[in-house]
């Protein structure tokens, strides 16, 4: 059995377009990343919600 290596540098927040949707990779506290696939409509709704929260 191969030894597991510690996860370091999980990377920044990123969004990539894949097929008809988008994949959001969000670093989480404690290591690792939360990966969510969203549609363009869901991305727009998320953008609007975040804008409201920041206002």
PDB file of N, CA and C in Angstrom:
ATOM      1  N   UNK A   1       0.857  -1.173   0.000  1.00  0.00           N
ATOM      2  CA  UNK A   1       0.000   0.000   0.000  1.00  0.00           C
ATOM      3  C   UNK A   1       0.907   1.240   0.000  1.00  0.00           C
ATOM      4  N   UNK A   2       0.586   2.196  -0.838  1.00  0.00           N
ATOM      5  CA  UNK A   2       1.386   3.420  -0.940  1.00  0.00           C
ATOM      6  C   UNK A   2       1.111   4.330   0.252  1.00  0.00           C
ATOM      7  N   UNK A   3       2.142   5.032   0.671  1.00  0.00           N
ATOM      8  CA  UNK A   3       1.985   5.981   1.776  1.00  0.00           C
ATOM      9  C   UNK A   3       1.227   7.210   1.293  1.00  0.00           C
ATOM     10  N   UNK A   4       0.346   7.719   2.130  1.00  0.00           N
ATOM     11  CA  UNK A   4      -0.384   8.924   1.771  1.00  0.00           C
ATOM     12  C   UNK A   4       0.465  10.141   2.074  1.00  0.00           C
ATOM     13  N   UNK A   5       0.455  11.090   1.177  1.00  0.00           N
ATOM     14  CA  UNK A   5       1.202  12.323   1.366  1.00  0.00           C
ATOM     15  C   UNK A   5       0.261  13.374   1.932  1.00  0.00           C
ATOM     16  N   UNK A   6       0.747  14.248   2.799  1.00  0.00           N
ATOM     17  CA  UNK A   6      -0.121  15.299   3.332  1.00  0.00           C
ATOM     18  C   UNK A   6      -0.541  16.260   2.227  1.00  0.00           C
ATOM     19  N   UNK A   7      -1.750  16.753   2.322  1.00  0.00           N
ATOM     20  CA  UNK A   7      -2.241  17.709   1.333  1.00  0.00           C
ATOM     21  C   UNK A   7      -1.739  19.090   1.698  1.00  0.00           C
ATOM     22  N   UNK A   8      -1.059  19.702   0.788  1.00  0.00           N
ATOM     23  CA  UNK A   8      -0.596  21.063   0.993  1.00  0.00           C
ATOM     24  C   UNK A   8      -0.944  21.879  -0.232  1.00  0.00           C
ATOM     25  N   UNK A   9      -1.149  23.161  -0.032  1.00  0.00           N
ATOM     26  CA  UNK A   9      -1.424  24.032  -1.167  1.00  0.00           C
ATOM     27  C   UNK A   9      -2.626  23.596  -1.967  1.00  0.00           C
ATOM     28  N   UNK A  10      -3.788  23.544  -1.329  1.00  0.00           N
ATOM     29  CA  UNK A  10      -4.992  23.096  -2.014  1.00  0.00           C
ATOM     30  C   UNK A  10      -5.403  24.030  -3.142  1.00  0.00           C
ATOM     31  N   UNK A  11      -4.778  25.191  -3.206  1.00  0.00           N
ATOM     32  CA  UNK A  11      -5.017  26.084  -4.329  1.00  0.00           C
ATOM     33  C   UNK A  11      -6.059  27.139  -4.035  1.00  0.00           C
ATOM     34  N   UNK A  12      -6.181  28.073  -4.961  1.00  0.00           N
ATOM     35  CA  UNK A  12      -7.111  29.177  -4.798  1.00  0.00           C
ATOM     36  C   UNK A  12      -8.535  28.793  -5.206  1.00  0.00           C
ATOM     37  N   UNK A  13      -9.437  29.696  -4.933  1.00  0.00           N
ATOM     38  CA  UNK A  13     -10.805  29.569  -5.429  1.00  0.00           C
ATOM     39  C   UNK A  13     -10.730  29.625  -6.946  1.00  0.00           C
ATOM     40  N   UNK A  14     -11.402  28.712  -7.615  1.00  0.00           N
ATOM     41  CA  UNK A  14     -11.397  28.753  -9.074  1.00  0.00           C
ATOM     42  C   UNK A  14     -12.712  28.253  -9.636  1.00  0.00           C
ATOM     43  N   UNK A  15     -13.034  28.752 -10.813  1.00  0.00           N
ATOM     44  CA  UNK A  15     -14.229  28.325 -11.536  1.00  0.00           C
ATOM     45  C   UNK A  15     -13.806  28.011 -12.962  1.00  0.00           C
ATOM     46  N   UNK A  16     -14.205  26.843 -13.447  1.00  0.00           N
ATOM     47  CA  UNK A  16     -13.897  26.471 -14.825  1.00  0.00           C
ATOM     48  C   UNK A  16     -15.179  26.068 -15.530  1.00  0.00           C
ATOM     49  N   UNK A  17     -15.235  26.367 -16.823  1.00  0.00           N
ATOM     50  CA  UNK A  17     -16.391  25.975 -17.615  1.00  0.00           C
ATOM     51  C   UNK A  17     -16.139  24.569 -18.132  1.00  0.00           C
ATOM     52  N   UNK A  18     -17.066  23.681 -17.851  1.00  0.00           N
ATOM     53  CA  UNK A  18     -16.954  22.291 -18.287  1.00  0.00           C
ATOM     54  C   UNK A  18     -18.287  21.861 -18.872  1.00  0.00           C
ATOM     55  N   UNK A  19     -18.297  21.602 -20.162  1.00  0.00           N
ATOM     56  CA  UNK A  19     -19.552  21.239 -20.815  1.00  0.00           C
ATOM     57  C   UNK A  19     -20.513  22.410 -20.792  1.00  0.00           C
ATOM     58  N   UNK A  20     -21.755  22.154 -20.403  1.00  0.00           N
ATOM     59  CA  UNK A  20     -22.751  23.219 -20.334  1.00  0.00           C
ATOM     60  C   UNK A  20     -22.789  23.907 -18.983  1.00  0.00           C
ATOM     61  N   UNK A  21     -22.023  23.419 -18.027  1.00  0.00           N
ATOM     62  CA  UNK A  21     -22.036  23.985 -16.681  1.00  0.00           C
ATOM     63  C   UNK A  21     -20.699  24.567 -16.289  1.00  0.00           C
ATOM     64  N   UNK A  22     -20.599  24.924 -15.023  1.00  0.00           N
ATOM     65  CA  UNK A  22     -19.376  25.460 -14.454  1.00  0.00           C
ATOM     66  C   UNK A  22     -19.045  24.660 -13.202  1.00  0.00           C
ATOM     67  N   UNK A  23     -17.747  24.500 -12.944  1.00  0.00           N
ATOM     68  CA  UNK A  23     -17.307  23.782 -11.751  1.00  0.00           C
ATOM     69  C   UNK A  23     -16.585  24.772 -10.854  1.00  0.00           C
ATOM     70  N   UNK A  24     -17.099  24.916  -9.627  1.00  0.00           N
ATOM     71  CA  UNK A  24     -16.538  25.805  -8.617  1.00  0.00           C
ATOM     72  C   UNK A  24     -15.724  24.959  -7.650  1.00  0.00           C
ATOM     73  N   UNK A  25     -14.456  25.333  -7.467  1.00  0.00           N
ATOM     74  CA  UNK A  25     -13.582  24.643  -6.504  1.00  0.00           C
ATOM     75  C   UNK A  25     -13.234  25.639  -5.415  1.00  0.00           C
ATOM     76  N   UNK A  26     -13.739  25.391  -4.215  1.00  0.00           N
ATOM     77  CA  UNK A  26     -13.626  26.316  -3.097  1.00  0.00           C
ATOM     78  C   UNK A  26     -12.776  25.700  -1.991  1.00  0.00           C
ATOM     79  N   UNK A  27     -11.610  26.302  -1.665  1.00  0.00           N
ATOM     80  CA  UNK A  27     -10.799  25.767  -0.567  1.00  0.00           C
ATOM     81  C   UNK A  27     -11.574  25.865   0.754  1.00  0.00           C
ATOM     82  N   UNK A  28     -11.468  24.847   1.574  1.00  0.00           N
ATOM     83  CA  UNK A  28     -12.151  24.845   2.863  1.00  0.00           C
ATOM     84  C   UNK A  28     -11.144  24.765   3.995  1.00  0.00           C
ATOM     85  N   UNK A  29     -11.553  25.309   5.130  1.00  0.00           N
ATOM     86  CA  UNK A  29     -10.686  25.298   6.303  1.00  0.00           C
ATOM     87  C   UNK A  29     -10.388  23.865   6.711  1.00  0.00           C
ATOM     88  N   UNK A  30      -9.150  23.590   7.011  1.00  0.00           N
ATOM     89  CA  UNK A  30      -8.762  22.245   7.412  1.00  0.00           C
ATOM     90  C   UNK A  30      -8.198  21.425   6.271  1.00  0.00           C
ATOM     91  N   UNK A  31      -8.193  21.990   5.075  1.00  0.00           N
ATOM     92  CA  UNK A  31      -7.630  21.291   3.919  1.00  0.00           C
ATOM     93  C   UNK A  31      -8.694  20.759   2.992  1.00  0.00           C
ATOM     94  N   UNK A  32      -8.300  20.545   1.781  1.00  0.00           N
ATOM     95  CA  UNK A  32      -9.220  20.037   0.770  1.00  0.00           C
ATOM     96  C   UNK A  32     -10.003  21.154   0.107  1.00  0.00           C
ATOM     97  N   UNK A  33     -10.819  20.764  -0.848  1.00  0.00           N
ATOM     98  CA  UNK A  33     -11.653  21.730  -1.552  1.00  0.00           C
ATOM     99  C   UNK A  33     -13.049  21.180  -1.735  1.00  0.00           C
ATOM    100  N   UNK A  34     -14.021  22.066  -1.667  1.00  0.00           N
ATOM    101  CA  UNK A  34     -15.415  21.736  -1.953  1.00  0.00           C
ATOM    102  C   UNK A  34     -15.611  21.952  -3.441  1.00  0.00           C
ATOM    103  N   UNK A  35     -16.078  20.935  -4.149  1.00  0.00           N
ATOM    104  CA  UNK A  35     -16.269  21.029  -5.590  1.00  0.00           C
ATOM    105  C   UNK A  35     -17.762  20.964  -5.881  1.00  0.00           C
ATOM    106  N   UNK A  36     -18.254  22.005  -6.586  1.00  0.00           N
ATOM    107  CA  UNK A  36     -19.686  22.121  -6.881  1.00  0.00           C
ATOM    108  C   UNK A  36     -19.861  22.391  -8.368  1.00  0.00           C
ATOM    109  N   UNK A  37     -20.738  21.651  -9.013  1.00  0.00           N
ATOM    110  CA  UNK A  37     -21.071  21.925 -10.409  1.00  0.00           C
ATOM    111  C   UNK A  37     -22.364  22.731 -10.439  1.00  0.00           C
ATOM    112  N   UNK A  38     -22.333  23.869 -11.138  1.00  0.00           N
ATOM    113  CA  UNK A  38     -23.494  24.737 -11.206  1.00  0.00           C
ATOM    114  C   UNK A  38     -23.781  25.121 -12.653  1.00  0.00           C
ATOM    115  N   UNK A  39     -25.035  25.448 -12.919  1.00  0.00           N
ATOM    116  CA  UNK A  39     -25.437  25.896 -14.251  1.00  0.00           C
ATOM    117  C   UNK A  39     -25.171  27.396 -14.371  1.00  0.00           C
ATOM    118  N   UNK A  40     -25.172  27.929 -15.586  1.00  0.00           N
ATOM    119  CA  UNK A  40     -25.000  29.378 -15.746  1.00  0.00           C
ATOM    120  C   UNK A  40     -26.068  30.184 -14.993  1.00  0.00           C
ATOM    121  N   UNK A  41     -27.299  29.698 -14.957  1.00  0.00           N
ATOM    122  CA  UNK A  41     -28.361  30.394 -14.214  1.00  0.00           C
ATOM    123  C   UNK A  41     -28.076  30.399 -12.712  1.00  0.00           C
ATOM    124  N   UNK A  42     -27.595  29.281 -12.195  1.00  0.00           N
ATOM    125  CA  UNK A  42     -27.244  29.213 -10.779  1.00  0.00           C
ATOM    126  C   UNK A  42     -26.053  30.115 -10.468  1.00  0.00           C
ATOM    127  N   UNK A  43     -25.101  30.203 -11.392  1.00  0.00           N
ATOM    128  CA  UNK A  43     -23.945  31.082 -11.200  1.00  0.00           C
ATOM    129  C   UNK A  43     -24.390  32.541 -11.135  1.00  0.00           C
ATOM    130  N   UNK A  44     -25.322  32.922 -11.990  1.00  0.00           N
ATOM    131  CA  UNK A  44     -25.835  34.296 -11.990  1.00  0.00           C
ATOM    132  C   UNK A  44     -26.561  34.586 -10.672  1.00  0.00           C
ATOM    133  N   UNK A  45     -27.364  33.650 -10.199  1.00  0.00           N
ATOM    134  CA  UNK A  45     -28.074  33.829  -8.931  1.00  0.00           C
ATOM    135  C   UNK A  45     -27.078  33.934  -7.770  1.00  0.00           C
ATOM    136  N   UNK A  46     -26.018  33.140  -7.804  1.00  0.00           N
ATOM    137  CA  UNK A  46     -24.986  33.205  -6.768  1.00  0.00           C
ATOM    138  C   UNK A  46     -24.293  34.560  -6.797  1.00  0.00           C
ATOM    139  N   UNK A  47     -23.989  35.056  -7.984  1.00  0.00           N
ATOM    140  CA  UNK A  47     -23.359  36.372  -8.135  1.00  0.00           C
ATOM    141  C   UNK A  47     -24.233  37.467  -7.524  1.00  0.00           C
ATOM    142  N   UNK A  48     -25.522  37.427  -7.825  1.00  0.00           N
ATOM    143  CA  UNK A  48     -26.443  38.438  -7.298  1.00  0.00           C
ATOM    144  C   UNK A  48     -26.554  38.348  -5.778  1.00  0.00           C
ATOM    145  N   UNK A  49     -26.611  37.142  -5.246  1.00  0.00           N
ATOM    146  CA  UNK A  49     -26.722  36.943  -3.800  1.00  0.00           C
ATOM    147  C   UNK A  49     -25.478  37.444  -3.080  1.00  0.00           C
ATOM    148  N   UNK A  50     -24.298  37.154  -3.642  1.00  0.00           N
ATOM    149  CA  UNK A  50     -23.051  37.617  -3.045  1.00  0.00           C
ATOM    150  C   UNK A  50     -22.942  39.141  -3.106  1.00  0.00           C
ATOM    151  N   UNK A  51     -23.391  39.730  -4.205  1.00  0.00           N
ATOM    152  CA  UNK A  51     -23.362  41.203  -4.343  1.00  0.00           C
ATOM    153  C   UNK A  51     -24.235  41.854  -3.279  1.00  0.00           C
ATOM    154  N   UNK A  52     -25.403  41.272  -3.012  1.00  0.00           N
ATOM    155  CA  UNK A  52     -26.306  41.784  -1.982  1.00  0.00           C
ATOM    156  C   UNK A  52     -25.665  41.673  -0.603  1.00  0.00           C
ATOM    157  N   UNK A  53     -24.987  40.572  -0.349  1.00  0.00           N
ATOM    158  CA  UNK A  53     -24.365  40.359   0.953  1.00  0.00           C
ATOM    159  C   UNK A  53     -23.206  41.327   1.198  1.00  0.00           C
ATOM    160  N   UNK A  54     -22.533  41.733   0.130  1.00  0.00           N
ATOM    161  CA  UNK A  54     -21.394  42.632   0.258  1.00  0.00           C
ATOM    162  C   UNK A  54     -21.807  44.104   0.308  1.00  0.00           C
ATOM    163  N   UNK A  55     -23.016  44.393  -0.082  1.00  0.00           N
ATOM    164  CA  UNK A  55     -23.483  45.794  -0.126  1.00  0.00           C
ATOM    165  C   UNK A  55     -23.783  46.343   1.249  1.00  0.00           C
TER     166      UNK A  55
END
